[in-house]
Amino acid sequence: MQERDGQVARALEQSDLESANISDAERRLLEYTRLITEQAYKATEDDVETLRQAGWSDDQIAEAVYIIAMFAFFNRVADAFGLEAPNFSDMQAKKSDNDA
């Protein structure tokens, strides 16, 4: 399980949904997440219907949108005040070490 989770995390870090070992329903939700994050104004009812066809309920879709919106809010507030994640430089150094 941990190996699968690690592979999924690496694929998602690289925005590589195609190679991520996730279900089709999860892939559709992450594609929708990208759409809402980057171009929410382009979202249509057909996009929501695609999620329904993948098995997501309206309550689950709404919850996903709320979470996406909260992250956008928090990121904008942090950017506005110049905040960084605690130990951000340590995380970047570890990532660089892992990439080597």
PDB file of N, CA and C in Angstrom:
ATOM      1  N   MET A   1       0.820  -1.189   0.000  1.00  0.00           N
ATOM      2  CA  MET A   1       0.000   0.000   0.000  1.00  0.00           C
ATOM      3  C   MET A   1       0.869   1.261   0.000  1.00  0.00           C
ATOM      4  N   GLN A   2       1.929   1.282   0.830  1.00  0.00           N
ATOM      5  CA  GLN A   2       2.775   2.458   0.883  1.00  0.00           C
ATOM      6  C   GLN A   2       3.473   2.707  -0.442  1.00  0.00           C
ATOM      7  N   GLU A   3       3.881   1.642  -1.117  1.00  0.00           N
ATOM      8  CA  GLU A   3       4.542   1.799  -2.414  1.00  0.00           C
ATOM      9  C   GLU A   3       3.579   2.429  -3.413  1.00  0.00           C
ATOM     10  N   ARG A   4       2.326   1.961  -3.405  1.00  0.00           N
ATOM     11  CA  ARG A   4       1.313   2.537  -4.289  1.00  0.00           C
ATOM     12  C   ARG A   4       1.097   3.998  -3.957  1.00  0.00           C
ATOM     13  N   ASP A   5       0.976   4.317  -2.677  1.00  0.00           N
ATOM     14  CA  ASP A   5       0.770   5.699  -2.255  1.00  0.00           C
ATOM     15  C   ASP A   5       1.941   6.584  -2.666  1.00  0.00           C
ATOM     16  N   GLY A   6       3.160   6.075  -2.546  1.00  0.00           N
ATOM     17  CA  GLY A   6       4.339   6.834  -2.948  1.00  0.00           C
ATOM     18  C   GLY A   6       4.344   7.099  -4.443  1.00  0.00           C
ATOM     19  N   GLN A   7       3.960   6.088  -5.226  1.00  0.00           N
ATOM     20  CA  GLN A   7       3.909   6.248  -6.679  1.00  0.00           C
ATOM     21  C   GLN A   7       2.853   7.276  -7.047  1.00  0.00           C
ATOM     22  N   VAL A   8       1.716   7.208  -6.403  1.00  0.00           N
ATOM     23  CA  VAL A   8       0.635   8.170  -6.667  1.00  0.00           C
ATOM     24  C   VAL A   8       1.095   9.573  -6.299  1.00  0.00           C
ATOM     25  N   ALA A   9       1.712   9.719  -5.150  1.00  0.00           N
ATOM     26  CA  ALA A   9       2.176  11.042  -4.710  1.00  0.00           C
ATOM     27  C   ALA A   9       3.184  11.617  -5.699  1.00  0.00           C
ATOM     28  N   ARG A  10       4.131  10.790  -6.153  1.00  0.00           N
ATOM     29  CA  ARG A  10       5.121  11.279  -7.123  1.00  0.00           C
ATOM     30  C   ARG A  10       4.461  11.694  -8.430  1.00  0.00           C
ATOM     31  N   ALA A  11       3.521  10.904  -8.913  1.00  0.00           N
ATOM     32  CA  ALA A  11       2.824  11.241 -10.164  1.00  0.00           C
ATOM     33  C   ALA A  11       2.045  12.543 -10.005  1.00  0.00           C
ATOM     34  N   LEU A  12       1.372  12.706  -8.876  1.00  0.00           N
ATOM     35  CA  LEU A  12       0.576  13.918  -8.656  1.00  0.00           C
ATOM     36  C   LEU A  12       1.460  15.145  -8.473  1.00  0.00           C
ATOM     37  N   GLU A  13       2.608  14.975  -7.824  1.00  0.00           N
ATOM     38  CA  GLU A  13       3.558  16.090  -7.686  1.00  0.00           C
ATOM     39  C   GLU A  13       3.990  16.601  -9.051  1.00  0.00           C
ATOM     40  N   GLN A  14       4.042  15.704 -10.024  1.00  0.00           N
ATOM     41  CA  GLN A  14       4.470  16.066 -11.375  1.00  0.00           C
ATOM     42  C   GLN A  14       3.277  16.366 -12.291  1.00  0.00           C
ATOM     43  N   SER A  15       2.074  16.451 -11.710  1.00  0.00           N
ATOM     44  CA  SER A  15       0.839  16.681 -12.479  1.00  0.00           C
ATOM     45  C   SER A  15       0.664  15.650 -13.584  1.00  0.00           C
ATOM     46  N   ASP A  16       1.024  14.409 -13.292  1.00  0.00           N
ATOM     47  CA  ASP A  16       0.940  13.328 -14.269  1.00  0.00           C
ATOM     48  C   ASP A  16      -0.193  12.383 -13.882  1.00  0.00           C
ATOM     49  N   LEU A  17      -1.421  12.802 -14.176  1.00  0.00           N
ATOM     50  CA  LEU A  17      -2.572  11.987 -13.807  1.00  0.00           C
ATOM     51  C   LEU A  17      -2.614  10.669 -14.567  1.00  0.00           C
ATOM     52  N   GLU A  18      -2.079  10.662 -15.783  1.00  0.00           N
ATOM     53  CA  GLU A  18      -2.152   9.465 -16.608  1.00  0.00           C
ATOM     54  C   GLU A  18      -1.379   8.298 -16.017  1.00  0.00           C
ATOM     55  N   SER A  19      -0.235   8.562 -15.399  1.00  0.00           N
ATOM     56  CA  SER A  19       0.554   7.457 -14.851  1.00  0.00           C
ATOM     57  C   SER A  19       0.227   7.168 -13.386  1.00  0.00           C
ATOM     58  N   ALA A  20      -0.592   8.007 -12.771  1.00  0.00           N
ATOM     59  CA  ALA A  20      -0.956   7.778 -11.368  1.00  0.00           C
ATOM     60  C   ALA A  20      -1.832   6.532 -11.265  1.00  0.00           C
ATOM     61  N   ASN A  21      -1.525   5.686 -10.315  1.00  0.00           N
ATOM     62  CA  ASN A  21      -2.274   4.456 -10.090  1.00  0.00           C
ATOM     63  C   ASN A  21      -3.522   4.769  -9.253  1.00  0.00           C
ATOM     64  N   ILE A  22      -4.507   5.407  -9.923  1.00  0.00           N
ATOM     65  CA  ILE A  22      -5.747   5.803  -9.263  1.00  0.00           C
ATOM     66  C   ILE A  22      -6.918   5.334 -10.113  1.00  0.00           C
ATOM     67  N   SER A  23      -8.091   5.318  -9.508  1.00  0.00           N
ATOM     68  CA  SER A  23      -9.279   4.879 -10.239  1.00  0.00           C
ATOM     69  C   SER A  23      -9.696   5.935 -11.261  1.00  0.00           C
ATOM     70  N   ASP A  24     -10.516   5.527 -12.203  1.00  0.00           N
ATOM     71  CA  ASP A  24     -11.033   6.459 -13.198  1.00  0.00           C
ATOM     72  C   ASP A  24     -11.838   7.574 -12.515  1.00  0.00           C
ATOM     73  N   ALA A  25     -12.606   7.218 -11.493  1.00  0.00           N
ATOM     74  CA  ALA A  25     -13.394   8.220 -10.767  1.00  0.00           C
ATOM     75  C   ALA A  25     -12.485   9.250 -10.101  1.00  0.00           C
ATOM     76  N   GLU A  26     -11.406   8.786  -9.477  1.00  0.00           N
ATOM     77  CA  GLU A  26     -10.453   9.711  -8.847  1.00  0.00           C
ATOM     78  C   GLU A  26      -9.789  10.599  -9.899  1.00  0.00           C
ATOM     79  N   ARG A  27      -9.454  10.010 -11.041  1.00  0.00           N
ATOM     80  CA  ARG A  27      -8.820  10.776 -12.120  1.00  0.00           C
ATOM     81  C   ARG A  27      -9.764  11.880 -12.615  1.00  0.00           C
ATOM     82  N   ARG A  28     -11.036  11.546 -12.795  1.00  0.00           N
ATOM     83  CA  ARG A  28     -12.019  12.544 -13.249  1.00  0.00           C
ATOM     84  C   ARG A  28     -12.146  13.677 -12.224  1.00  0.00           C
ATOM     85  N   LEU A  29     -12.155  13.319 -10.944  1.00  0.00           N
ATOM     86  CA  LEU A  29     -12.271  14.344  -9.898  1.00  0.00           C
ATOM     87  C   LEU A  29     -11.041  15.243  -9.888  1.00  0.00           C
ATOM     88  N   LEU A  30      -9.866  14.674 -10.065  1.00  0.00           N
ATOM     89  CA  LEU A  30      -8.649  15.489 -10.093  1.00  0.00           C
ATOM     90  C   LEU A  30      -8.586  16.365 -11.344  1.00  0.00           C
ATOM     91  N   GLU A  31      -9.097  15.870 -12.455  1.00  0.00           N
ATOM     92  CA  GLU A  31      -9.178  16.713 -13.654  1.00  0.00           C
ATOM     93  C   GLU A  31     -10.109  17.899 -13.402  1.00  0.00           C
ATOM     94  N   TYR A  32     -11.219  17.633 -12.737  1.00  0.00           N
ATOM     95  CA  TYR A  32     -12.164  18.703 -12.389  1.00  0.00           C
ATOM     96  C   TYR A  32     -11.515  19.684 -11.412  1.00  0.00           C
ATOM     97  N   THR A  33     -10.754  19.151 -10.468  1.00  0.00           N
ATOM     98  CA  THR A  33     -10.037  19.999  -9.514  1.00  0.00           C
ATOM     99  C   THR A  33      -9.093  20.946 -10.241  1.00  0.00           C
ATOM    100  N   ARG A  34      -8.372  20.433 -11.212  1.00  0.00           N
ATOM    101  CA  ARG A  34      -7.472  21.275 -12.007  1.00  0.00           C
ATOM    102  C   ARG A  34      -8.266  22.361 -12.741  1.00  0.00           C
ATOM    103  N   LEU A  35      -9.385  21.971 -13.344  1.00  0.00           N
ATOM    104  CA  LEU A  35     -10.212  22.936 -14.062  1.00  0.00           C
ATOM    105  C   LEU A  35     -10.688  24.053 -13.129  1.00  0.00           C
ATOM    106  N   ILE A  36     -11.213  23.688 -11.979  1.00  0.00           N
ATOM    107  CA  ILE A  36     -11.727  24.689 -11.037  1.00  0.00           C
ATOM    108  C   ILE A  36     -10.594  25.561 -10.506  1.00  0.00           C
ATOM    109  N   THR A  37      -9.431  24.973 -10.267  1.00  0.00           N
ATOM    110  CA  THR A  37      -8.295  25.723  -9.752  1.00  0.00           C
ATOM    111  C   THR A  37      -7.762  26.712 -10.778  1.00  0.00           C
ATOM    112  N   GLU A  38      -7.642  26.276 -12.019  1.00  0.00           N
ATOM    113  CA  GLU A  38      -6.983  27.097 -13.031  1.00  0.00           C
ATOM    114  C   GLU A  38      -7.943  27.949 -13.863  1.00  0.00           C
ATOM    115  N   GLN A  39      -9.147  27.433 -14.128  1.00  0.00           N
ATOM    116  CA  GLN A  39     -10.068  28.135 -15.028  1.00  0.00           C
ATOM    117  C   GLN A  39     -11.514  27.867 -14.638  1.00  0.00           C
ATOM    118  N   ALA A  40     -11.886  28.210 -13.434  1.00  0.00           N
ATOM    119  CA  ALA A  40     -13.230  27.918 -12.944  1.00  0.00           C
ATOM    120  C   ALA A  40     -14.317  28.481 -13.852  1.00  0.00           C
ATOM    121  N   TYR A  41     -14.044  29.594 -14.491  1.00  0.00           N
ATOM    122  CA  TYR A  41     -15.031  30.224 -15.356  1.00  0.00           C
ATOM    123  C   TYR A  41     -15.381  29.359 -16.574  1.00  0.00           C
ATOM    124  N   LYS A  42     -14.569  28.341 -16.858  1.00  0.00           N
ATOM    125  CA  LYS A  42     -14.834  27.447 -17.984  1.00  0.00           C
ATOM    126  C   LYS A  42     -15.614  26.197 -17.582  1.00  0.00           C
ATOM    127  N   ALA A  43     -15.877  26.029 -16.288  1.00  0.00           N
ATOM    128  CA  ALA A  43     -16.599  24.846 -15.819  1.00  0.00           C
ATOM    129  C   ALA A  43     -18.049  24.890 -16.309  1.00  0.00           C
ATOM    130  N   THR A  44     -18.546  23.725 -16.721  1.00  0.00           N
ATOM    131  CA  THR A  44     -19.908  23.632 -17.237  1.00  0.00           C
ATOM    132  C   THR A  44     -20.680  22.538 -16.510  1.00  0.00           C
ATOM    133  N   GLU A  45     -21.959  22.499 -16.764  1.00  0.00           N
ATOM    134  CA  GLU A  45     -22.792  21.424 -16.217  1.00  0.00           C
ATOM    135  C   GLU A  45     -22.324  20.071 -16.747  1.00  0.00           C
ATOM    136  N   ASP A  46     -21.812  20.036 -17.966  1.00  0.00           N
ATOM    137  CA  ASP A  46     -21.292  18.785 -18.519  1.00  0.00           C
ATOM    138  C   ASP A  46     -20.115  18.254 -17.694  1.00  0.00           C
ATOM    139  N   ASP A  47     -19.301  19.146 -17.163  1.00  0.00           N
ATOM    140  CA  ASP A  47     -18.183  18.720 -16.316  1.00  0.00           C
ATOM    141  C   ASP A  47     -18.701  18.040 -15.055  1.00  0.00           C
ATOM    142  N   VAL A  48     -19.747  18.610 -14.480  1.00  0.00           N
ATOM    143  CA  VAL A  48     -20.344  18.012 -13.280  1.00  0.00           C
ATOM    144  C   VAL A  48     -21.003  16.683 -13.637  1.00  0.00           C
ATOM    145  N   GLU A  49     -21.660  16.632 -14.775  1.00  0.00           N
ATOM    146  CA  GLU A  49     -22.294  15.384 -15.208  1.00  0.00           C
ATOM    147  C   GLU A  49     -21.258  14.278 -15.414  1.00  0.00           C
ATOM    148  N   THR A  50     -20.085  14.636 -15.909  1.00  0.00           N
ATOM    149  CA  THR A  50     -18.995  13.659 -16.064  1.00  0.00           C
ATOM    150  C   THR A  50     -18.634  13.057 -14.711  1.00  0.00           C
ATOM    151  N   LEU A  51     -18.604  13.900 -13.681  1.00  0.00           N
ATOM    152  CA  LEU A  51     -18.305  13.397 -12.333  1.00  0.00           C
ATOM    153  C   LEU A  51     -19.418  12.485 -11.833  1.00  0.00           C
ATOM    154  N   ARG A  52     -20.662  12.867 -12.092  1.00  0.00           N
ATOM    155  CA  ARG A  52     -21.789  12.011 -11.690  1.00  0.00           C
ATOM    156  C   ARG A  52     -21.693  10.648 -12.373  1.00  0.00           C
ATOM    157  N   GLN A  53     -21.381  10.654 -13.661  1.00  0.00           N
ATOM    158  CA  GLN A  53     -21.263   9.399 -14.409  1.00  0.00           C
ATOM    159  C   GLN A  53     -20.108   8.546 -13.887  1.00  0.00           C
ATOM    160  N   ALA A  54     -19.108   9.197 -13.317  1.00  0.00           N
ATOM    161  CA  ALA A  54     -17.965   8.474 -12.732  1.00  0.00           C
ATOM    162  C   ALA A  54     -18.296   7.928 -11.342  1.00  0.00           C
ATOM    163  N   GLY A  55     -19.478   8.285 -10.814  1.00  0.00           N
ATOM    164  CA  GLY A  55     -19.905   7.732  -9.531  1.00  0.00           C
ATOM    165  C   GLY A  55     -19.927   8.694  -8.363  1.00  0.00           C
ATOM    166  N   TRP A  56     -19.574   9.962  -8.602  1.00  0.00           N
ATOM    167  CA  TRP A  56     -19.576  10.937  -7.518  1.00  0.00           C
ATOM    168  C   TRP A  56     -20.974  11.494  -7.308  1.00  0.00           C
ATOM    169  N   SER A  57     -21.375  11.634  -6.055  1.00  0.00           N
ATOM    170  CA  SER A  57     -22.685  12.213  -5.730  1.00  0.00           C
ATOM    171  C   SER A  57     -22.596  13.738  -5.761  1.00  0.00           C
ATOM    172  N   ASP A  58     -23.746  14.379  -5.841  1.00  0.00           N
ATOM    173  CA  ASP A  58     -23.757  15.844  -5.826  1.00  0.00           C
ATOM    174  C   ASP A  58     -23.146  16.392  -4.544  1.00  0.00           C
ATOM    175  N   ASP A  59     -23.399  15.723  -3.411  1.00  0.00           N
ATOM    176  CA  ASP A  59     -22.806  16.172  -2.142  1.00  0.00           C
ATOM    177  C   ASP A  59     -21.275  16.060  -2.184  1.00  0.00           C
ATOM    178  N   GLN A  60     -20.757  14.985  -2.766  1.00  0.00           N
ATOM    179  CA  GLN A  60     -19.308  14.821  -2.862  1.00  0.00           C
ATOM    180  C   GLN A  60     -18.692  15.856  -3.800  1.00  0.00           C
ATOM    181  N   ILE A  61     -19.366  16.138  -4.891  1.00  0.00           N
ATOM    182  CA  ILE A  61     -18.876  17.145  -5.836  1.00  0.00           C
ATOM    183  C   ILE A  61     -18.870  18.512  -5.176  1.00  0.00           C
ATOM    184  N   ALA A  62     -19.939  18.841  -4.453  1.00  0.00           N
ATOM    185  CA  ALA A  62     -20.006  20.125  -3.757  1.00  0.00           C
ATOM    186  C   ALA A  62     -18.891  20.224  -2.717  1.00  0.00           C
ATOM    187  N   GLU A  63     -18.668  19.157  -1.967  1.00  0.00           N
ATOM    188  CA  GLU A  63     -17.608  19.174  -0.961  1.00  0.00           C
ATOM    189  C   GLU A  63     -16.245  19.396  -1.614  1.00  0.00           C
ATOM    190  N   ALA A  64     -16.017  18.755  -2.759  1.00  0.00           N
ATOM    191  CA  ALA A  64     -14.753  18.955  -3.479  1.00  0.00           C
ATOM    192  C   ALA A  64     -14.593  20.417  -3.864  1.00  0.00           C
ATOM    193  N   VAL A  65     -15.649  21.034  -4.372  1.00  0.00           N
ATOM    194  CA  VAL A  65     -15.579  22.446  -4.763  1.00  0.00           C
ATOM    195  C   VAL A  65     -15.291  23.317  -3.548  1.00  0.00           C
ATOM    196  N   TYR A  66     -15.917  23.028  -2.416  1.00  0.00           N
ATOM    197  CA  TYR A  66     -15.660  23.813  -1.204  1.00  0.00           C
ATOM    198  C   TYR A  66     -14.195  23.701  -0.790  1.00  0.00           C
ATOM    199  N   ILE A  67     -13.641  22.501  -0.851  1.00  0.00           N
ATOM    200  CA  ILE A  67     -12.246  22.301  -0.458  1.00  0.00           C
ATOM    201  C   ILE A  67     -11.306  23.018  -1.426  1.00  0.00           C
ATOM    202  N   ILE A  68     -11.585  22.910  -2.721  1.00  0.00           N
ATOM    203  CA  ILE A  68     -10.782  23.614  -3.722  1.00  0.00           C
ATOM    204  C   ILE A  68     -10.811  25.116  -3.447  1.00  0.00           C
ATOM    205  N   ALA A  69     -11.989  25.644  -3.169  1.00  0.00           N
ATOM    206  CA  ALA A  69     -12.137  27.077  -2.904  1.00  0.00           C
ATOM    207  C   ALA A  69     -11.396  27.488  -1.631  1.00  0.00           C
ATOM    208  N   MET A  70     -11.454  26.648  -0.593  1.00  0.00           N
ATOM    209  CA  MET A  70     -10.743  26.975   0.649  1.00  0.00           C
ATOM    210  C   MET A  70      -9.242  27.042   0.413  1.00  0.00           C
ATOM    211  N   PHE A  71      -8.702  26.109  -0.333  1.00  0.00           N
ATOM    212  CA  PHE A  71      -7.263  26.136  -0.621  1.00  0.00           C
ATOM    213  C   PHE A  71      -6.899  27.376  -1.424  1.00  0.00           C
ATOM    214  N   ALA A  72      -7.733  27.736  -2.388  1.00  0.00           N
ATOM    215  CA  ALA A  72      -7.473  28.947  -3.166  1.00  0.00           C
ATOM    216  C   ALA A  72      -7.465  30.170  -2.247  1.00  0.00           C
ATOM    217  N   PHE A  73      -8.415  30.226  -1.342  1.00  0.00           N
ATOM    218  CA  PHE A  73      -8.483  31.330  -0.387  1.00  0.00           C
ATOM    219  C   PHE A  73      -7.223  31.384   0.480  1.00  0.00           C
ATOM    220  N   PHE A  74      -6.873  30.243   1.073  1.00  0.00           N
ATOM    221  CA  PHE A  74      -5.706  30.218   1.958  1.00  0.00           C
ATOM    222  C   PHE A  74      -4.432  30.586   1.206  1.00  0.00           C
ATOM    223  N   ASN A  75      -4.281  30.073  -0.007  1.00  0.00           N
ATOM    224  CA  ASN A  75      -3.091  30.398  -0.799  1.00  0.00           C
ATOM    225  C   ASN A  75      -3.022  31.881  -1.121  1.00  0.00           C
ATOM    226  N   ARG A  76      -4.134  32.494  -1.448  1.00  0.00           N
ATOM    227  CA  ARG A  76      -4.131  33.921  -1.772  1.00  0.00           C
ATOM    228  C   ARG A  76      -3.835  34.778  -0.540  1.00  0.00           C
ATOM    229  N   VAL A  77      -4.369  34.391   0.601  1.00  0.00           N
ATOM    230  CA  VAL A  77      -4.072  35.117   1.839  1.00  0.00           C
ATOM    231  C   VAL A  77      -2.587  34.985   2.167  1.00  0.00           C
ATOM    232  N   ALA A  78      -2.063  33.768   2.076  1.00  0.00           N
ATOM    233  CA  ALA A  78      -0.643  33.555   2.360  1.00  0.00           C
ATOM    234  C   ALA A  78       0.223  34.359   1.400  1.00  0.00           C
ATOM    235  N   ASP A  79      -0.145  34.364   0.109  1.00  0.00           N
ATOM    236  CA  ASP A  79       0.613  35.143  -0.874  1.00  0.00           C
ATOM    237  C   ASP A  79       0.539  36.633  -0.566  1.00  0.00           C
ATOM    238  N   ALA A  80      -0.638  37.107  -0.195  1.00  0.00           N
ATOM    239  CA  ALA A  80      -0.825  38.538   0.073  1.00  0.00           C
ATOM    240  C   ALA A  80       0.042  39.006   1.242  1.00  0.00           C
ATOM    241  N   PHE A  81       0.233  38.140   2.227  1.00  0.00           N
ATOM    242  CA  PHE A  81       1.020  38.502   3.400  1.00  0.00           C
ATOM    243  C   PHE A  81       2.454  37.984   3.334  1.00  0.00           C
ATOM    244  N   GLY A  82       2.815  37.368   2.215  1.00  0.00           N
ATOM    245  CA  GLY A  82       4.179  36.869   2.053  1.00  0.00           C
ATOM    246  C   GLY A  82       4.514  35.718   2.982  1.00  0.00           C
ATOM    247  N   LEU A  83       3.513  34.923   3.346  1.00  0.00           N
ATOM    248  CA  LEU A  83       3.739  33.806   4.266  1.00  0.00           C
ATOM    249  C   LEU A  83       4.297  32.601   3.526  1.00  0.00           C
ATOM    250  N   GLU A  84       5.145  31.866   4.194  1.00  0.00           N
ATOM    251  CA  GLU A  84       5.658  30.606   3.672  1.00  0.00           C
ATOM    252  C   GLU A  84       5.313  29.514   4.651  1.00  0.00           C
ATOM    253  N   ALA A  85       5.265  28.291   4.145  1.00  0.00           N
ATOM    254  CA  ALA A  85       5.012  27.149   5.018  1.00  0.00           C
ATOM    255  C   ALA A  85       6.143  27.047   6.029  1.00  0.00           C
ATOM    256  N   PRO A  86       5.836  26.695   7.279  1.00  0.00           N
ATOM    257  CA  PRO A  86       6.912  26.476   8.244  1.00  0.00           C
ATOM    258  C   PRO A  86       7.891  25.442   7.705  1.00  0.00           C
ATOM    259  N   ASN A  87       9.156  25.705   7.871  1.00  0.00           N
ATOM    260  CA  ASN A  87      10.212  24.800   7.413  1.00  0.00           C
ATOM    261  C   ASN A  87      10.198  24.594   5.903  1.00  0.00           C
ATOM    262  N   PHE A  88       9.685  25.575   5.163  1.00  0.00           N
ATOM    263  CA  PHE A  88       9.599  25.456   3.710  1.00  0.00           C
ATOM    264  C   PHE A  88      10.972  25.188   3.097  1.00  0.00           C
ATOM    265  N   SER A  89      11.984  25.881   3.586  1.00  0.00           N
ATOM    266  CA  SER A  89      13.324  25.680   3.021  1.00  0.00           C
ATOM    267  C   SER A  89      13.813  24.256   3.282  1.00  0.00           C
ATOM    268  N   ASP A  90      13.443  23.672   4.431  1.00  0.00           N
ATOM    269  CA  ASP A  90      13.817  22.285   4.722  1.00  0.00           C
ATOM    270  C   ASP A  90      13.128  21.326   3.751  1.00  0.00           C
ATOM    271  N   MET A  91      11.851  21.593   3.454  1.00  0.00           N
ATOM    272  CA  MET A  91      11.117  20.735   2.526  1.00  0.00           C
ATOM    273  C   MET A  91      11.731  20.814   1.138  1.00  0.00           C
ATOM    274  N   GLN A  92      12.127  22.000   0.713  1.00  0.00           N
ATOM    275  CA  GLN A  92      12.733  22.165  -0.605  1.00  0.00           C
ATOM    276  C   GLN A  92      14.078  21.446  -0.665  1.00  0.00           C
ATOM    277  N   ALA A  93      14.853  21.520   0.419  1.00  0.00           N
ATOM    278  CA  ALA A  93      16.159  20.857   0.456  1.00  0.00           C
ATOM    279  C   ALA A  93      15.978  19.336   0.370  1.00  0.00           C
ATOM    280  N   LYS A  94      14.985  18.777   1.082  1.00  0.00           N
ATOM    281  CA  LYS A  94      14.731  17.350   1.020  1.00  0.00           C
ATOM    282  C   LYS A  94      14.297  16.935  -0.373  1.00  0.00           C
ATOM    283  N   LYS A  95      13.477  17.758  -1.002  1.00  0.00           N
ATOM    284  CA  LYS A  95      13.027  17.450  -2.355  1.00  0.00           C
ATOM    285  C   LYS A  95      14.215  17.444  -3.313  1.00  0.00           C
ATOM    286  N   SER A  96      15.097  18.412  -3.167  1.00  0.00           N
ATOM    287  CA  SER A  96      16.290  18.464  -4.013  1.00  0.00           C
ATOM    288  C   SER A  96      17.175  17.254  -3.799  1.00  0.00           C
ATOM    289  N   ASP A  97      17.316  16.840  -2.547  1.00  0.00           N
ATOM    290  CA  ASP A  97      18.114  15.654  -2.236  1.00  0.00           C
ATOM    291  C   ASP A  97      17.514  14.410  -2.882  1.00  0.00           C
ATOM    292  N   ASN A  98      16.178  14.312  -2.866  1.00  0.00           N
ATOM    293  CA  ASN A  98      15.492  13.144  -3.450  1.00  0.00           C
ATOM    294  C   ASN A  98      15.586  13.147  -4.969  1.00  0.00           C
ATOM    295  N   ASP A  99      15.655  14.316  -5.575  1.00  0.00           N
ATOM    296  CA  ASP A  99      15.744  14.419  -7.020  1.00  0.00           C
ATOM    297  C   ASP A  99      17.126  14.058  -7.550  1.00  0.00           C
ATOM    298  N   ALA A 100      18.118  14.126  -6.660  1.00  0.00           N
ATOM    299  CA  ALA A 100      19.514  13.873  -7.083  1.00  0.00           C
ATOM    300  C   ALA A 100      19.783  12.417  -7.354  1.00  0.00           C
TER     301      ALA A 100
END
